[in-house]
N, C-alpha and C. Protein backbone atom coordinates (compact mmCIF):
# COMPACT_ATOMS: atom_id res chain seq x y z
N MET A 1 8.91 8.99 3.82
CA MET A 1 9.01 8.05 2.70
C MET A 1 9.60 8.76 1.49
N ASN A 2 10.62 8.21 0.88
CA ASN A 2 11.23 8.92 -0.24
C ASN A 2 10.41 8.75 -1.50
N ASN A 3 10.61 9.68 -2.43
CA ASN A 3 9.75 9.74 -3.59
C ASN A 3 10.11 8.75 -4.68
N THR A 4 11.18 7.99 -4.49
CA THR A 4 11.57 7.04 -5.52
C THR A 4 10.68 5.81 -5.50
N THR A 5 10.06 5.55 -4.36
CA THR A 5 9.17 4.39 -4.31
C THR A 5 7.87 4.72 -5.04
N VAL A 6 7.41 3.77 -5.81
CA VAL A 6 6.14 3.97 -6.52
C VAL A 6 5.02 3.83 -5.51
N LYS A 7 4.15 4.80 -5.49
CA LYS A 7 3.03 4.74 -4.55
C LYS A 7 1.92 3.86 -5.10
N LYS A 8 1.44 2.98 -4.23
CA LYS A 8 0.35 2.05 -4.61
C LYS A 8 -0.98 2.68 -4.23
N ILE A 9 -1.86 2.76 -5.22
CA ILE A 9 -3.19 3.30 -4.97
C ILE A 9 -4.20 2.20 -5.26
N LEU A 10 -4.99 1.88 -4.25
CA LEU A 10 -6.03 0.87 -4.44
C LEU A 10 -7.34 1.58 -4.74
N CYS A 11 -7.94 1.21 -5.86
CA CYS A 11 -9.18 1.84 -6.28
C CYS A 11 -10.33 0.84 -6.08
N ILE A 12 -11.17 1.10 -5.10
CA ILE A 12 -12.27 0.19 -4.79
C ILE A 12 -13.53 0.74 -5.44
N GLU A 13 -13.99 0.04 -6.45
CA GLU A 13 -15.00 0.60 -7.35
C GLU A 13 -15.67 -0.55 -8.09
N ASP A 14 -17.00 -0.54 -8.17
CA ASP A 14 -17.66 -1.67 -8.82
C ASP A 14 -17.80 -1.50 -10.34
N GLU A 15 -17.39 -0.37 -10.90
CA GLU A 15 -17.45 -0.19 -12.35
C GLU A 15 -16.05 -0.31 -12.95
N PRO A 16 -15.81 -1.36 -13.73
CA PRO A 16 -14.48 -1.57 -14.32
C PRO A 16 -14.00 -0.39 -15.17
N GLU A 17 -14.93 0.29 -15.87
CA GLU A 17 -14.53 1.42 -16.73
C GLU A 17 -13.94 2.53 -15.86
N MET A 18 -14.50 2.68 -14.69
CA MET A 18 -14.04 3.73 -13.78
C MET A 18 -12.62 3.41 -13.30
N ILE A 19 -12.37 2.15 -12.98
CA ILE A 19 -11.03 1.73 -12.55
C ILE A 19 -10.04 1.98 -13.69
N ASP A 20 -10.45 1.63 -14.93
CA ASP A 20 -9.57 1.86 -16.08
C ASP A 20 -9.25 3.33 -16.25
N LEU A 21 -10.26 4.17 -16.09
CA LEU A 21 -10.06 5.60 -16.24
C LEU A 21 -9.08 6.12 -15.19
N ILE A 22 -9.28 5.72 -13.96
CA ILE A 22 -8.42 6.16 -12.87
C ILE A 22 -6.99 5.65 -13.08
N ARG A 23 -6.89 4.41 -13.54
CA ARG A 23 -5.56 3.83 -13.80
C ARG A 23 -4.85 4.62 -14.91
N LEU A 24 -5.62 5.03 -15.91
CA LEU A 24 -5.08 5.80 -17.01
C LEU A 24 -4.55 7.15 -16.52
N ILE A 25 -5.36 7.84 -15.74
CA ILE A 25 -4.99 9.18 -15.25
C ILE A 25 -3.79 9.10 -14.31
N LEU A 26 -3.87 8.21 -13.32
CA LEU A 26 -2.83 8.17 -12.29
C LEU A 26 -1.59 7.40 -12.75
N GLY A 27 -1.80 6.44 -13.64
CA GLY A 27 -0.67 5.67 -14.17
C GLY A 27 0.31 6.56 -14.92
N ARG A 28 -0.24 7.55 -15.63
CA ARG A 28 0.59 8.52 -16.35
C ARG A 28 1.50 9.29 -15.43
N ARG A 29 1.05 9.47 -14.20
CA ARG A 29 1.84 10.21 -13.22
C ARG A 29 2.76 9.29 -12.42
N GLY A 30 2.80 8.04 -12.85
CA GLY A 30 3.73 7.13 -12.19
C GLY A 30 3.20 6.41 -10.96
N PHE A 31 1.90 6.47 -10.75
CA PHE A 31 1.33 5.72 -9.63
C PHE A 31 0.97 4.32 -10.08
N ASP A 32 1.05 3.39 -9.15
CA ASP A 32 0.65 2.01 -9.43
C ASP A 32 -0.79 1.84 -8.96
N VAL A 33 -1.72 1.73 -9.90
CA VAL A 33 -3.14 1.66 -9.53
C VAL A 33 -3.64 0.22 -9.60
N ILE A 34 -4.17 -0.25 -8.48
CA ILE A 34 -4.71 -1.60 -8.41
C ILE A 34 -6.22 -1.47 -8.23
N GLY A 35 -6.98 -2.23 -8.98
CA GLY A 35 -8.43 -2.14 -8.87
C GLY A 35 -9.00 -3.27 -8.04
N ALA A 36 -10.02 -2.96 -7.26
CA ALA A 36 -10.75 -3.98 -6.52
C ALA A 36 -12.21 -3.82 -6.88
N ALA A 37 -12.82 -4.89 -7.37
CA ALA A 37 -14.20 -4.81 -7.83
C ALA A 37 -15.17 -4.96 -6.67
N GLY A 38 -15.48 -3.87 -6.01
CA GLY A 38 -16.46 -3.91 -4.93
C GLY A 38 -15.84 -3.95 -3.54
N GLY A 39 -16.71 -3.73 -2.56
CA GLY A 39 -16.27 -3.56 -1.18
C GLY A 39 -15.64 -4.78 -0.52
N MET A 40 -16.22 -5.95 -0.78
CA MET A 40 -15.70 -7.17 -0.14
C MET A 40 -14.27 -7.44 -0.58
N GLU A 41 -14.06 -7.38 -1.90
CA GLU A 41 -12.72 -7.59 -2.43
C GLU A 41 -11.81 -6.44 -1.98
N GLY A 42 -12.39 -5.25 -1.94
CA GLY A 42 -11.64 -4.07 -1.55
C GLY A 42 -11.01 -4.18 -0.17
N ILE A 43 -11.81 -4.52 0.82
CA ILE A 43 -11.30 -4.57 2.19
C ILE A 43 -10.25 -5.68 2.33
N LYS A 44 -10.45 -6.77 1.60
CA LYS A 44 -9.49 -7.86 1.61
C LYS A 44 -8.15 -7.38 1.02
N MET A 45 -8.23 -6.66 -0.08
CA MET A 45 -7.01 -6.18 -0.73
C MET A 45 -6.31 -5.08 0.07
N VAL A 46 -7.08 -4.27 0.77
CA VAL A 46 -6.48 -3.25 1.63
C VAL A 46 -5.58 -3.94 2.65
N ARG A 47 -6.10 -5.02 3.24
CA ARG A 47 -5.34 -5.73 4.28
C ARG A 47 -4.12 -6.44 3.72
N GLU A 48 -4.26 -6.97 2.49
CA GLU A 48 -3.14 -7.70 1.89
C GLU A 48 -2.06 -6.76 1.37
N LEU A 49 -2.47 -5.68 0.68
CA LEU A 49 -1.52 -4.82 -0.01
C LEU A 49 -1.00 -3.67 0.82
N LEU A 50 -1.79 -3.25 1.82
CA LEU A 50 -1.49 -2.04 2.58
C LEU A 50 -1.06 -0.91 1.64
N PRO A 51 -2.00 -0.46 0.78
CA PRO A 51 -1.67 0.57 -0.21
C PRO A 51 -1.33 1.91 0.45
N ASP A 52 -0.75 2.82 -0.33
CA ASP A 52 -0.41 4.15 0.18
C ASP A 52 -1.64 5.05 0.24
N LEU A 53 -2.64 4.69 -0.56
CA LEU A 53 -3.85 5.49 -0.64
C LEU A 53 -4.99 4.60 -1.15
N VAL A 54 -6.19 4.87 -0.67
CA VAL A 54 -7.37 4.15 -1.17
C VAL A 54 -8.33 5.16 -1.78
N LEU A 55 -8.74 4.88 -3.01
CA LEU A 55 -9.83 5.63 -3.66
C LEU A 55 -11.07 4.78 -3.49
N LEU A 56 -12.04 5.30 -2.79
CA LEU A 56 -13.15 4.47 -2.35
C LEU A 56 -14.48 4.98 -2.87
N ASP A 57 -15.15 4.16 -3.66
CA ASP A 57 -16.48 4.51 -4.14
C ASP A 57 -17.48 4.21 -3.01
N LEU A 58 -18.43 5.11 -2.81
CA LEU A 58 -19.39 4.87 -1.73
C LEU A 58 -20.49 3.90 -2.13
N MET A 59 -20.92 3.98 -3.38
CA MET A 59 -22.07 3.19 -3.80
C MET A 59 -21.64 1.89 -4.47
N MET A 60 -21.66 0.80 -3.72
CA MET A 60 -21.31 -0.50 -4.30
C MET A 60 -22.33 -1.51 -3.82
N PRO A 61 -22.65 -2.47 -4.67
CA PRO A 61 -23.73 -3.41 -4.32
C PRO A 61 -23.41 -4.36 -3.16
N ASP A 62 -22.18 -4.86 -3.08
CA ASP A 62 -21.94 -5.92 -2.08
C ASP A 62 -21.65 -5.38 -0.69
N MET A 63 -20.81 -4.37 -0.61
CA MET A 63 -20.51 -3.77 0.68
C MET A 63 -20.22 -2.32 0.37
N ASP A 64 -20.96 -1.39 0.94
CA ASP A 64 -20.75 -0.01 0.51
C ASP A 64 -19.48 0.58 1.10
N GLY A 65 -19.12 1.73 0.55
CA GLY A 65 -17.87 2.38 0.92
C GLY A 65 -17.76 2.70 2.40
N TRP A 66 -18.90 3.05 3.01
CA TRP A 66 -18.88 3.37 4.44
C TRP A 66 -18.40 2.18 5.27
N GLU A 67 -18.93 1.03 4.89
CA GLU A 67 -18.59 -0.20 5.60
C GLU A 67 -17.09 -0.49 5.46
N VAL A 68 -16.60 -0.35 4.24
CA VAL A 68 -15.16 -0.54 3.98
C VAL A 68 -14.35 0.44 4.83
N TYR A 69 -14.78 1.69 4.81
CA TYR A 69 -14.08 2.74 5.55
C TYR A 69 -14.03 2.43 7.04
N GLN A 70 -15.20 2.03 7.57
CA GLN A 70 -15.26 1.73 9.00
C GLN A 70 -14.38 0.54 9.36
N GLN A 71 -14.36 -0.47 8.50
CA GLN A 71 -13.51 -1.63 8.76
C GLN A 71 -12.03 -1.26 8.70
N MET A 72 -11.69 -0.39 7.76
CA MET A 72 -10.29 0.08 7.68
C MET A 72 -9.89 0.81 8.95
N LYS A 73 -10.77 1.68 9.42
CA LYS A 73 -10.45 2.50 10.59
C LYS A 73 -10.45 1.68 11.88
N ALA A 74 -11.15 0.56 11.87
CA ALA A 74 -11.23 -0.27 13.07
C ALA A 74 -10.00 -1.17 13.21
N ASP A 75 -9.19 -1.23 12.16
CA ASP A 75 -8.05 -2.14 12.14
C ASP A 75 -6.76 -1.32 12.24
N THR A 76 -5.95 -1.59 13.25
CA THR A 76 -4.76 -0.77 13.47
C THR A 76 -3.77 -0.79 12.30
N THR A 77 -3.74 -1.90 11.56
CA THR A 77 -2.78 -1.96 10.44
C THR A 77 -3.22 -1.11 9.26
N THR A 78 -4.52 -0.85 9.12
CA THR A 78 -5.00 -0.10 7.96
C THR A 78 -5.56 1.27 8.34
N ARG A 79 -5.58 1.56 9.62
CA ARG A 79 -6.23 2.78 10.11
C ARG A 79 -5.63 4.06 9.53
N ASP A 80 -4.32 4.07 9.31
CA ASP A 80 -3.66 5.31 8.88
C ASP A 80 -3.53 5.47 7.38
N ILE A 81 -4.08 4.54 6.61
CA ILE A 81 -4.04 4.67 5.16
C ILE A 81 -5.01 5.77 4.74
N PRO A 82 -4.53 6.77 4.00
CA PRO A 82 -5.46 7.84 3.60
C PRO A 82 -6.53 7.34 2.64
N VAL A 83 -7.70 7.95 2.73
CA VAL A 83 -8.83 7.55 1.90
C VAL A 83 -9.41 8.77 1.19
N ILE A 84 -9.56 8.65 -0.12
CA ILE A 84 -10.31 9.66 -0.87
C ILE A 84 -11.61 8.99 -1.29
N VAL A 85 -12.70 9.57 -0.89
CA VAL A 85 -14.00 9.00 -1.21
C VAL A 85 -14.47 9.56 -2.55
N VAL A 86 -14.97 8.66 -3.39
CA VAL A 86 -15.52 9.06 -4.68
C VAL A 86 -17.04 8.91 -4.59
N THR A 87 -17.74 10.00 -4.82
CA THR A 87 -19.17 9.97 -4.64
C THR A 87 -19.87 10.55 -5.85
N ALA A 88 -21.05 10.06 -6.16
CA ALA A 88 -21.82 10.61 -7.29
C ALA A 88 -22.36 11.98 -6.89
N LYS A 89 -22.36 12.89 -7.84
CA LYS A 89 -22.83 14.27 -7.56
C LYS A 89 -24.22 14.28 -6.94
N ALA A 90 -25.04 13.34 -7.36
CA ALA A 90 -26.44 13.34 -6.93
C ALA A 90 -26.60 12.98 -5.46
N GLN A 91 -25.56 12.42 -4.86
CA GLN A 91 -25.74 11.99 -3.48
C GLN A 91 -25.95 13.16 -2.54
N ASN A 92 -26.73 12.90 -1.51
CA ASN A 92 -27.15 14.02 -0.68
C ASN A 92 -26.02 14.55 0.21
N ILE A 93 -26.28 15.73 0.72
CA ILE A 93 -25.29 16.47 1.50
C ILE A 93 -24.96 15.75 2.81
N ASP A 94 -25.89 14.93 3.32
CA ASP A 94 -25.61 14.20 4.57
C ASP A 94 -24.37 13.35 4.43
N LYS A 95 -24.23 12.75 3.26
CA LYS A 95 -23.06 11.91 3.03
C LYS A 95 -21.80 12.76 3.15
N VAL A 96 -21.84 13.92 2.52
CA VAL A 96 -20.67 14.78 2.51
C VAL A 96 -20.37 15.28 3.92
N LEU A 97 -21.40 15.63 4.65
CA LEU A 97 -21.20 16.05 6.04
C LEU A 97 -20.63 14.90 6.85
N GLY A 98 -21.15 13.71 6.57
CA GLY A 98 -20.65 12.51 7.24
C GLY A 98 -19.16 12.33 7.01
N LEU A 99 -18.70 12.70 5.81
CA LEU A 99 -17.28 12.57 5.49
C LEU A 99 -16.44 13.44 6.40
N HIS A 100 -16.92 14.64 6.66
CA HIS A 100 -16.15 15.54 7.52
C HIS A 100 -16.08 14.98 8.93
N ILE A 101 -17.20 14.44 9.38
CA ILE A 101 -17.24 13.85 10.71
C ILE A 101 -16.33 12.62 10.75
N ALA A 102 -16.39 11.84 9.66
CA ALA A 102 -15.61 10.61 9.61
C ALA A 102 -14.13 10.87 9.35
N LYS A 103 -13.78 12.13 9.03
CA LYS A 103 -12.37 12.47 8.82
C LYS A 103 -11.74 11.77 7.62
N VAL A 104 -12.48 11.62 6.53
CA VAL A 104 -11.82 11.09 5.34
C VAL A 104 -10.87 12.17 4.86
N ASP A 105 -9.86 11.78 4.12
CA ASP A 105 -8.82 12.73 3.75
C ASP A 105 -9.28 13.70 2.66
N ASP A 106 -10.13 13.23 1.78
CA ASP A 106 -10.66 14.10 0.75
C ASP A 106 -11.81 13.38 0.06
N TYR A 107 -12.55 14.09 -0.77
CA TYR A 107 -13.54 13.39 -1.57
C TYR A 107 -13.70 14.12 -2.90
N ILE A 108 -14.03 13.36 -3.91
CA ILE A 108 -14.30 13.93 -5.22
C ILE A 108 -15.63 13.39 -5.71
N ALA A 109 -16.32 14.20 -6.49
CA ALA A 109 -17.62 13.79 -7.00
C ALA A 109 -17.50 13.35 -8.46
N LYS A 110 -18.21 12.29 -8.79
CA LYS A 110 -18.29 11.86 -10.19
C LYS A 110 -19.35 12.70 -10.88
N PRO A 111 -19.22 13.01 -12.13
CA PRO A 111 -18.02 12.74 -12.94
C PRO A 111 -16.94 13.78 -12.62
N PHE A 112 -15.71 13.33 -12.53
CA PHE A 112 -14.62 14.27 -12.23
C PHE A 112 -13.65 14.30 -13.41
N GLY A 113 -12.93 15.38 -13.52
CA GLY A 113 -11.91 15.51 -14.56
C GLY A 113 -10.59 14.96 -14.07
N PRO A 114 -9.69 14.62 -14.99
CA PRO A 114 -8.38 14.08 -14.62
C PRO A 114 -7.62 15.00 -13.67
N GLN A 115 -7.72 16.30 -13.90
CA GLN A 115 -6.98 17.25 -13.07
C GLN A 115 -7.50 17.24 -11.64
N GLU A 116 -8.80 17.14 -11.51
CA GLU A 116 -9.44 17.10 -10.20
C GLU A 116 -8.94 15.90 -9.39
N LEU A 117 -8.88 14.76 -10.08
CA LEU A 117 -8.41 13.54 -9.43
C LEU A 117 -6.95 13.69 -9.00
N MET A 118 -6.12 14.20 -9.91
CA MET A 118 -4.70 14.39 -9.61
C MET A 118 -4.51 15.34 -8.44
N ASP A 119 -5.24 16.46 -8.47
CA ASP A 119 -5.11 17.45 -7.40
C ASP A 119 -5.43 16.84 -6.05
N SER A 120 -6.49 16.05 -6.04
CA SER A 120 -6.92 15.43 -4.79
C SER A 120 -5.86 14.46 -4.27
N VAL A 121 -5.35 13.61 -5.17
CA VAL A 121 -4.33 12.62 -4.78
C VAL A 121 -3.07 13.33 -4.29
N GLU A 122 -2.64 14.35 -5.02
CA GLU A 122 -1.41 15.05 -4.64
C GLU A 122 -1.58 15.79 -3.32
N LYS A 123 -2.75 16.37 -3.13
CA LYS A 123 -3.04 17.08 -1.89
C LYS A 123 -2.93 16.13 -0.69
N VAL A 124 -3.53 14.96 -0.84
CA VAL A 124 -3.53 13.98 0.26
C VAL A 124 -2.11 13.49 0.55
N PHE A 125 -1.33 13.21 -0.50
CA PHE A 125 0.04 12.76 -0.27
C PHE A 125 0.89 13.87 0.37
N LYS A 126 0.62 15.12 0.02
CA LYS A 126 1.34 16.25 0.63
C LYS A 126 1.03 16.33 2.11
N GLN A 127 -0.26 16.20 2.44
CA GLN A 127 -0.67 16.26 3.84
C GLN A 127 0.00 15.17 4.65
N LYS A 128 0.10 13.99 4.02
CA LYS A 128 0.65 12.83 4.75
C LYS A 128 2.15 12.98 4.96
N SER A 129 2.83 13.65 4.02
CA SER A 129 4.28 13.73 4.15
C SER A 129 4.70 14.89 5.04
N SER A 130 3.78 15.85 5.22
CA SER A 130 4.17 17.01 6.04
C SER A 130 4.02 16.69 7.52
């Protein structure tokens, strides 16, 4: 995929401020950030938009990130979309171990700095293009 196309990043997150923050950080780097408020809307938008990357919050009231992730992986059209999981620092290590088993592309813990987010996104896009 050539670099002239704007990469679409879908941010599935139940906190609007968090979506705004991510849009601010990644928008500056030329990414098109679309927000989905929660898991139900998120999985629907993944299927409609087929984004280049999904930033997925694990803790959401309507459908948690794991469920979204599993649904994405179960569907051949969305299976290969890279996923960066966003998790609260306080969450236990089982979740993180689960991520390795589940083969998510990367994960970042909240609160994260802008550079951390950028590094993660760039790392995942590099892996996908190589």
